[in-house]
PDB file of N, CA and C in Angstrom:
ATOM      1  N   MET A   1       1.759  -7.714  60.997  1.00  0.00           N
ATOM      2  CA  MET A   1       0.586  -7.404  60.204  1.00  0.00           C
ATOM      3  C   MET A   1       0.757  -8.074  58.843  1.00  0.00           C
ATOM      4  N   GLY A   2      -0.272  -8.759  58.394  1.00  0.00           N
ATOM      5  CA  GLY A   2      -0.235  -9.435  57.110  1.00  0.00           C
ATOM      6  C   GLY A   2      -0.475  -8.467  55.970  1.00  0.00           C
ATOM      7  N   SER A   3      -0.417  -8.997  54.791  1.00  0.00           N
ATOM      8  CA  SER A   3      -0.691  -8.164  53.629  1.00  0.00           C
ATOM      9  C   SER A   3      -1.634  -8.913  52.696  1.00  0.00           C
ATOM     10  N   ALA A   4      -2.279  -8.163  51.826  1.00  0.00           N
ATOM     11  CA  ALA A   4      -3.210  -8.728  50.857  1.00  0.00           C
ATOM     12  C   ALA A   4      -3.006  -8.009  49.533  1.00  0.00           C
ATOM     13  N   VAL A   5      -3.424  -8.637  48.480  1.00  0.00           N
ATOM     14  CA  VAL A   5      -3.295  -8.062  47.148  1.00  0.00           C
ATOM     15  C   VAL A   5      -4.557  -7.260  46.835  1.00  0.00           C
ATOM     16  N   LEU A   6      -4.365  -6.062  46.277  1.00  0.00           N
ATOM     17  CA  LEU A   6      -5.463  -5.211  45.847  1.00  0.00           C
ATOM     18  C   LEU A   6      -5.158  -4.756  44.426  1.00  0.00           C
ATOM     19  N   THR A   7      -6.080  -4.970  43.533  1.00  0.00           N
ATOM     20  CA  THR A   7      -5.911  -4.523  42.156  1.00  0.00           C
ATOM     21  C   THR A   7      -6.843  -3.345  41.929  1.00  0.00           C
ATOM     22  N   LEU A   8      -6.320  -2.269  41.326  1.00  0.00           N
ATOM     23  CA  LEU A   8      -7.146  -1.111  41.060  1.00  0.00           C
ATOM     24  C   LEU A   8      -6.730  -0.444  39.770  1.00  0.00           C
ATOM     25  N   ARG A   9      -7.620   0.336  39.230  1.00  0.00           N
ATOM     26  CA  ARG A   9      -7.332   1.082  38.011  1.00  0.00           C
ATOM     27  C   ARG A   9      -7.128   2.547  38.375  1.00  0.00           C
ATOM     28  N   ILE A  10      -6.069   3.135  37.820  1.00  0.00           N
ATOM     29  CA  ILE A  10      -5.801   4.553  38.000  1.00  0.00           C
ATOM     30  C   ILE A  10      -5.546   5.157  36.624  1.00  0.00           C
ATOM     31  N   ASN A  11      -5.699   6.459  36.515  1.00  0.00           N
ATOM     32  CA  ASN A  11      -5.467   7.056  35.199  1.00  0.00           C
ATOM     33  C   ASN A  11      -3.970   7.087  34.884  1.00  0.00           C
ATOM     34  N   THR A  12      -3.667   7.259  33.638  1.00  0.00           N
ATOM     35  CA  THR A  12      -2.278   7.182  33.163  1.00  0.00           C
ATOM     36  C   THR A  12      -1.397   8.244  33.807  1.00  0.00           C
ATOM     37  N   ASP A  13      -1.929   9.453  33.986  1.00  0.00           N
ATOM     38  CA  ASP A  13      -1.132  10.518  34.612  1.00  0.00           C
ATOM     39  C   ASP A  13      -0.750  10.156  36.045  1.00  0.00           C
ATOM     40  N   THR A  14      -1.684   9.593  36.787  1.00  0.00           N
ATOM     41  CA  THR A  14      -1.399   9.179  38.157  1.00  0.00           C
ATOM     42  C   THR A  14      -0.351   8.075  38.167  1.00  0.00           C
ATOM     43  N   LYS A  15      -0.469   7.135  37.260  1.00  0.00           N
ATOM     44  CA  LYS A  15       0.523   6.044  37.158  1.00  0.00           C
ATOM     45  C   LYS A  15       1.900   6.604  36.851  1.00  0.00           C
ATOM     46  N   ASP A  16       1.976   7.560  35.930  1.00  0.00           N
ATOM     47  CA  ASP A  16       3.269   8.165  35.587  1.00  0.00           C
ATOM     48  C   ASP A  16       3.885   8.873  36.792  1.00  0.00           C
ATOM     49  N   LYS A  17       3.051   9.585  37.548  1.00  0.00           N
ATOM     50  CA  LYS A  17       3.546  10.260  38.752  1.00  0.00           C
ATOM     51  C   LYS A  17       4.033   9.249  39.785  1.00  0.00           C
ATOM     52  N   LEU A  18       3.310   8.165  39.923  1.00  0.00           N
ATOM     53  CA  LEU A  18       3.711   7.110  40.855  1.00  0.00           C
ATOM     54  C   LEU A  18       5.034   6.497  40.428  1.00  0.00           C
ATOM     55  N   ASP A  19       5.185   6.242  39.149  1.00  0.00           N
ATOM     56  CA  ASP A  19       6.446   5.693  38.626  1.00  0.00           C
ATOM     57  C   ASP A  19       7.615   6.623  38.932  1.00  0.00           C
ATOM     58  N   LYS A  20       7.426   7.906  38.678  1.00  0.00           N
ATOM     59  CA  LYS A  20       8.500   8.882  38.917  1.00  0.00           C
ATOM     60  C   LYS A  20       8.847   8.978  40.395  1.00  0.00           C
ATOM     61  N   LEU A  21       7.827   8.987  41.241  1.00  0.00           N
ATOM     62  CA  LEU A  21       8.080   9.070  42.681  1.00  0.00           C
ATOM     63  C   LEU A  21       8.780   7.816  43.183  1.00  0.00           C
ATOM     64  N   ALA A  22       8.370   6.667  42.694  1.00  0.00           N
ATOM     65  CA  ALA A  22       9.003   5.414  43.103  1.00  0.00           C
ATOM     66  C   ALA A  22      10.477   5.416  42.708  1.00  0.00           C
ATOM     67  N   TYR A  23      10.758   5.880  41.509  1.00  0.00           N
ATOM     68  CA  TYR A  23      12.150   5.936  41.043  1.00  0.00           C
ATOM     69  C   TYR A  23      12.956   6.923  41.898  1.00  0.00           C
ATOM     70  N   ALA A  24      12.392   8.099  42.152  1.00  0.00           N
ATOM     71  CA  ALA A  24      13.109   9.141  42.883  1.00  0.00           C
ATOM     72  C   ALA A  24      13.356   8.763  44.344  1.00  0.00           C
ATOM     73  N   THR A  25      12.453   8.009  44.924  1.00  0.00           N
ATOM     74  CA  THR A  25      12.571   7.689  46.351  1.00  0.00           C
ATOM     75  C   THR A  25      13.132   6.294  46.608  1.00  0.00           C
ATOM     76  N   HIS A  26      13.369   5.559  45.524  1.00  0.00           N
ATOM     77  CA  HIS A  26      13.856   4.178  45.645  1.00  0.00           C
ATOM     78  C   HIS A  26      12.898   3.317  46.471  1.00  0.00           C
ATOM     79  N   ARG A  27      11.618   3.579  46.290  1.00  0.00           N
ATOM     80  CA  ARG A  27      10.563   2.799  46.938  1.00  0.00           C
ATOM     81  C   ARG A  27       9.742   2.111  45.863  1.00  0.00           C
ATOM     82  N   SER A  28       9.093   1.040  46.231  1.00  0.00           N
ATOM     83  CA  SER A  28       8.241   0.358  45.259  1.00  0.00           C
ATOM     84  C   SER A  28       6.931   1.126  45.092  1.00  0.00           C
ATOM     85  N   LYS A  29       6.319   0.949  43.938  1.00  0.00           N
ATOM     86  CA  LYS A  29       5.015   1.563  43.708  1.00  0.00           C
ATOM     87  C   LYS A  29       3.996   1.027  44.712  1.00  0.00           C
ATOM     88  N   SER A  30       4.106  -0.241  45.049  1.00  0.00           N
ATOM     89  CA  SER A  30       3.203  -0.830  46.041  1.00  0.00           C
ATOM     90  C   SER A  30       3.341  -0.134  47.390  1.00  0.00           C
ATOM     91  N   PHE A  31       4.565   0.095  47.811  1.00  0.00           N
ATOM     92  CA  PHE A  31       4.800   0.758  49.090  1.00  0.00           C
ATOM     93  C   PHE A  31       4.178   2.148  49.084  1.00  0.00           C
ATOM     94  N   LEU A  32       4.438   2.915  48.024  1.00  0.00           N
ATOM     95  CA  LEU A  32       3.924   4.278  47.949  1.00  0.00           C
ATOM     96  C   LEU A  32       2.402   4.305  47.894  1.00  0.00           C
ATOM     97  N   ALA A  33       1.807   3.406  47.140  1.00  0.00           N
ATOM     98  CA  ALA A  33       0.347   3.357  47.046  1.00  0.00           C
ATOM     99  C   ALA A  33      -0.263   2.978  48.393  1.00  0.00           C
ATOM    100  N   ALA A  34       0.339   2.012  49.072  1.00  0.00           N
ATOM    101  CA  ALA A  34      -0.159   1.607  50.388  1.00  0.00           C
ATOM    102  C   ALA A  34      -0.045   2.756  51.386  1.00  0.00           C
ATOM    103  N   GLU A  35       1.068   3.489  51.338  1.00  0.00           N
ATOM    104  CA  GLU A  35       1.236   4.649  52.221  1.00  0.00           C
ATOM    105  C   GLU A  35       0.167   5.697  51.946  1.00  0.00           C
ATOM    106  N   ALA A  36      -0.091   5.971  50.677  1.00  0.00           N
ATOM    107  CA  ALA A  36      -1.095   6.965  50.310  1.00  0.00           C
ATOM    108  C   ALA A  36      -2.483   6.542  50.792  1.00  0.00           C
ATOM    109  N   ILE A  37      -2.815   5.287  50.606  1.00  0.00           N
ATOM    110  CA  ILE A  37      -4.116   4.779  51.059  1.00  0.00           C
ATOM    111  C   ILE A  37      -4.223   4.862  52.572  1.00  0.00           C
ATOM    112  N   ASN A  38      -3.167   4.459  53.282  1.00  0.00           N
ATOM    113  CA  ASN A  38      -3.179   4.522  54.749  1.00  0.00           C
ATOM    114  C   ASN A  38      -3.366   5.950  55.249  1.00  0.00           C
ATOM    115  N   ARG A  39      -2.656   6.905  54.649  1.00  0.00           N
ATOM    116  CA  ARG A  39      -2.795   8.304  55.059  1.00  0.00           C
ATOM    117  C   ARG A  39      -4.213   8.803  54.796  1.00  0.00           C
ATOM    118  N   TYR A  40      -4.758   8.462  53.648  1.00  0.00           N
ATOM    119  CA  TYR A  40      -6.111   8.865  53.307  1.00  0.00           C
ATOM    120  C   TYR A  40      -7.107   8.309  54.328  1.00  0.00           C
ATOM    121  N   LEU A  41      -6.973   7.037  54.643  1.00  0.00           N
ATOM    122  CA  LEU A  41      -7.890   6.409  55.592  1.00  0.00           C
ATOM    123  C   LEU A  41      -7.784   7.030  56.979  1.00  0.00           C
ATOM    124  N   GLU A  42      -6.581   7.354  57.413  1.00  0.00           N
ATOM    125  CA  GLU A  42      -6.398   7.994  58.715  1.00  0.00           C
ATOM    126  C   GLU A  42      -7.076   9.355  58.755  1.00  0.00           C
ATOM    127  N   ILE A  43      -6.906  10.140  57.702  1.00  0.00           N
ATOM    128  CA  ILE A  43      -7.505  11.478  57.647  1.00  0.00           C
ATOM    129  C   ILE A  43      -9.023  11.375  57.619  1.00  0.00           C
ATOM    130  N   GLU A  44      -9.553  10.478  56.810  1.00  0.00           N
ATOM    131  CA  GLU A  44     -10.999  10.321  56.710  1.00  0.00           C
ATOM    132  C   GLU A  44     -11.595   9.832  58.030  1.00  0.00           C
ATOM    133  N   ALA A  45     -10.919   8.901  58.686  1.00  0.00           N
ATOM    134  CA  ALA A  45     -11.406   8.400  59.980  1.00  0.00           C
ATOM    135  C   ALA A  45     -11.401   9.512  61.014  1.00  0.00           C
ATOM    136  N   TRP A  46     -10.349  10.333  61.017  1.00  0.00           N
ATOM    137  CA  TRP A  46     -10.279  11.457  61.948  1.00  0.00           C
ATOM    138  C   TRP A  46     -11.415  12.434  61.675  1.00  0.00           C
ATOM    139  N   GLN A  47     -11.633  12.736  60.398  1.00  0.00           N
ATOM    140  CA  GLN A  47     -12.675  13.690  60.045  1.00  0.00           C
ATOM    141  C   GLN A  47     -14.062  13.179  60.460  1.00  0.00           C
ATOM    142  N   ILE A  48     -14.338  11.930  60.210  1.00  0.00           N
ATOM    143  CA  ILE A  48     -15.623  11.347  60.602  1.00  0.00           C
ATOM    144  C   ILE A  48     -15.782  11.384  62.118  1.00  0.00           C
ATOM    145  N   SER A  49     -14.728  11.069  62.840  1.00  0.00           N
ATOM    146  CA  SER A  49     -14.766  11.111  64.301  1.00  0.00           C
ATOM    147  C   SER A  49     -15.068  12.521  64.800  1.00  0.00           C
ATOM    148  N   GLU A  50     -14.435  13.515  64.202  1.00  0.00           N
ATOM    149  CA  GLU A  50     -14.663  14.903  64.607  1.00  0.00           C
ATOM    150  C   GLU A  50     -16.092  15.344  64.283  1.00  0.00           C
ATOM    151  N   ILE A  51     -16.612  14.911  63.150  1.00  0.00           N
ATOM    152  CA  ILE A  51     -17.994  15.247  62.792  1.00  0.00           C
ATOM    153  C   ILE A  51     -18.960  14.612  63.775  1.00  0.00           C
ATOM    154  N   GLU A  52     -18.725  13.353  64.113  1.00  0.00           N
ATOM    155  CA  GLU A  52     -19.594  12.674  65.083  1.00  0.00           C
ATOM    156  C   GLU A  52     -19.553  13.371  66.439  1.00  0.00           C
ATOM    157  N   LEU A  53     -18.379  13.791  66.868  1.00  0.00           N
ATOM    158  CA  LEU A  53     -18.244  14.524  68.131  1.00  0.00           C
ATOM    159  C   LEU A  53     -18.990  15.855  68.058  1.00  0.00           C
ATOM    160  N   ALA A  54     -18.875  16.549  66.952  1.00  0.00           N
ATOM    161  CA  ALA A  54     -19.560  17.827  66.786  1.00  0.00           C
ATOM    162  C   ALA A  54     -21.072  17.640  66.796  1.00  0.00           C
ATOM    163  N   LEU A  55     -21.535  16.550  66.221  1.00  0.00           N
ATOM    164  CA  LEU A  55     -22.977  16.280  66.233  1.00  0.00           C
ATOM    165  C   LEU A  55     -23.485  16.025  67.652  1.00  0.00           C
ATOM    166  N   VAL A  56     -22.695  15.322  68.448  1.00  0.00           N
ATOM    167  CA  VAL A  56     -23.072  15.084  69.854  1.00  0.00           C
ATOM    168  C   VAL A  56     -23.142  16.422  70.591  1.00  0.00           C
ATOM    169  N   GLU A  57     -22.145  17.277  70.361  1.00  0.00           N
ATOM    170  CA  GLU A  57     -22.139  18.590  71.013  1.00  0.00           C
ATOM    171  C   GLU A  57     -23.335  19.425  70.552  1.00  0.00           C
ATOM    172  N   ALA A  58     -23.634  19.382  69.259  1.00  0.00           N
ATOM    173  CA  ALA A  58     -24.772  20.147  68.739  1.00  0.00           C
ATOM    174  C   ALA A  58     -26.085  19.627  69.307  1.00  0.00           C
ATOM    175  N   ASP A  59     -26.221  18.312  69.384  1.00  0.00           N
ATOM    176  CA  ASP A  59     -27.441  17.727  69.953  1.00  0.00           C
ATOM    177  C   ASP A  59     -27.621  18.121  71.419  1.00  0.00           C
ATOM    178  N   ALA A  60     -26.495  18.346  72.100  1.00  0.00           N
ATOM    179  CA  ALA A  60     -26.547  18.746  73.508  1.00  0.00           C
ATOM    180  C   ALA A  60     -26.735  20.256  73.654  1.00  0.00           C
ATOM    181  N   GLY A  61     -26.780  20.966  72.523  1.00  0.00           N
ATOM    182  CA  GLY A  61     -26.957  22.418  72.570  1.00  0.00           C
ATOM    183  C   GLY A  61     -25.707  23.167  72.951  1.00  0.00           C
ATOM    184  N   ASP A  62     -24.545  22.538  72.772  1.00  0.00           N
ATOM    185  CA  ASP A  62     -23.264  23.136  73.140  1.00  0.00           C
ATOM    186  C   ASP A  62     -22.753  23.993  71.983  1.00  0.00           C
ATOM    187  N   PHE A  63     -23.192  25.257  71.952  1.00  0.00           N
ATOM    188  CA  PHE A  63     -22.810  26.175  70.883  1.00  0.00           C
ATOM    189  C   PHE A  63     -22.067  27.361  71.468  1.00  0.00           C
ATOM    190  N   ALA A  64     -21.282  28.014  70.628  1.00  0.00           N
ATOM    191  CA  ALA A  64     -20.613  29.243  71.045  1.00  0.00           C
ATOM    192  C   ALA A  64     -21.663  30.352  71.166  1.00  0.00           C
ATOM    193  N   SER A  65     -21.448  31.237  72.113  1.00  0.00           N
ATOM    194  CA  SER A  65     -22.367  32.373  72.281  1.00  0.00           C
ATOM    195  C   SER A  65     -22.095  33.388  71.165  1.00  0.00           C
ATOM    196  N   ASP A  66     -23.046  34.318  70.989  1.00  0.00           N
ATOM    197  CA  ASP A  66     -22.850  35.376  69.996  1.00  0.00           C
ATOM    198  C   ASP A  66     -21.597  36.183  70.300  1.00  0.00           C
ATOM    199  N   ALA A  67     -21.321  36.420  71.576  1.00  0.00           N
ATOM    200  CA  ALA A  67     -20.143  37.193  71.976  1.00  0.00           C
ATOM    201  C   ALA A  67     -18.853  36.446  71.622  1.00  0.00           C
ATOM    202  N   GLN A  68     -18.838  35.131  71.831  1.00  0.00           N
ATOM    203  CA  GLN A  68     -17.654  34.337  71.501  1.00  0.00           C
ATOM    204  C   GLN A  68     -17.394  34.334  69.992  1.00  0.00           C
ATOM    205  N   VAL A  69     -18.450  34.223  69.213  1.00  0.00           N
ATOM    206  CA  VAL A  69     -18.311  34.246  67.754  1.00  0.00           C
ATOM    207  C   VAL A  69     -17.816  35.608  67.290  1.00  0.00           C
ATOM    208  N   ALA A  70     -18.361  36.662  67.846  1.00  0.00           N
ATOM    209  CA  ALA A  70     -17.939  38.014  67.484  1.00  0.00           C
ATOM    210  C   ALA A  70     -16.472  38.236  67.832  1.00  0.00           C
ATOM    211  N   LEU A  71     -16.038  37.732  68.980  1.00  0.00           N
ATOM    212  CA  LEU A  71     -14.643  37.865  69.390  1.00  0.00           C
ATOM    213  C   LEU A  71     -13.710  37.157  68.406  1.00  0.00           C
ATOM    214  N   LEU A  72     -14.082  35.963  67.997  1.00  0.00           N
ATOM    215  CA  LEU A  72     -13.267  35.232  67.027  1.00  0.00           C
ATOM    216  C   LEU A  72     -13.259  35.938  65.683  1.00  0.00           C
ATOM    217  N   ALA A  73     -14.401  36.450  65.265  1.00  0.00           N
ATOM    218  CA  ALA A  73     -14.470  37.173  63.988  1.00  0.00           C
ATOM    219  C   ALA A  73     -13.557  38.387  64.006  1.00  0.00           C
ATOM    220  N   THR A  74     -13.556  39.098  65.113  1.00  0.00           N
ATOM    221  CA  THR A  74     -12.698  40.265  65.248  1.00  0.00           C
ATOM    222  C   THR A  74     -11.228  39.861  65.251  1.00  0.00           C
ATOM    223  N   LYS A  75     -10.924  38.790  65.963  1.00  0.00           N
ATOM    224  CA  LYS A  75      -9.534  38.337  66.070  1.00  0.00           C
ATOM    225  C   LYS A  75      -8.950  37.934  64.723  1.00  0.00           C
ATOM    226  N   TYR A  76      -9.719  37.211  63.910  1.00  0.00           N
ATOM    227  CA  TYR A  76      -9.177  36.668  62.658  1.00  0.00           C
ATOM    228  C   TYR A  76      -9.492  37.517  61.437  1.00  0.00           C
ATOM    229  N   ALA A  77     -10.301  38.549  61.573  1.00  0.00           N
ATOM    230  CA  ALA A  77     -10.647  39.402  60.441  1.00  0.00           C
ATOM    231  C   ALA A  77      -9.585  40.459  60.185  1.00  0.00           C
ATOM    232  N   SER A  78      -8.738  40.686  61.153  1.00  0.00           N
ATOM    233  CA  SER A  78      -7.766  41.777  60.990  1.00  0.00           C
ATOM    234  C   SER A  78      -6.506  41.369  60.330  1.00  0.00           C
TER     235      SER A  78
END
C-alpha cells in the first residue's frame, strides 16, 4: 500500500497530546495520526453500513413487536 502526504491544522492542545503520546510510545506523530484516522474511518463506515441496513429493514416493515420491546425493557430496566 502506498502513502500520500496530508497536511492539516489541529489545535495546540491536540498537538501537545500527540507529541506526548508519540514520545511515550516511541512512535512517530505521523504513524499515530494515520492510525487515528484509519480507526475513525472504520467506525464511521461501519456505522453508515448499519444505518443503511436498518433503513432496508424499516422499509420492509421489519420491526420488533410490542411484546418483544416490552420484554427487552423489562430485561434491561432492572
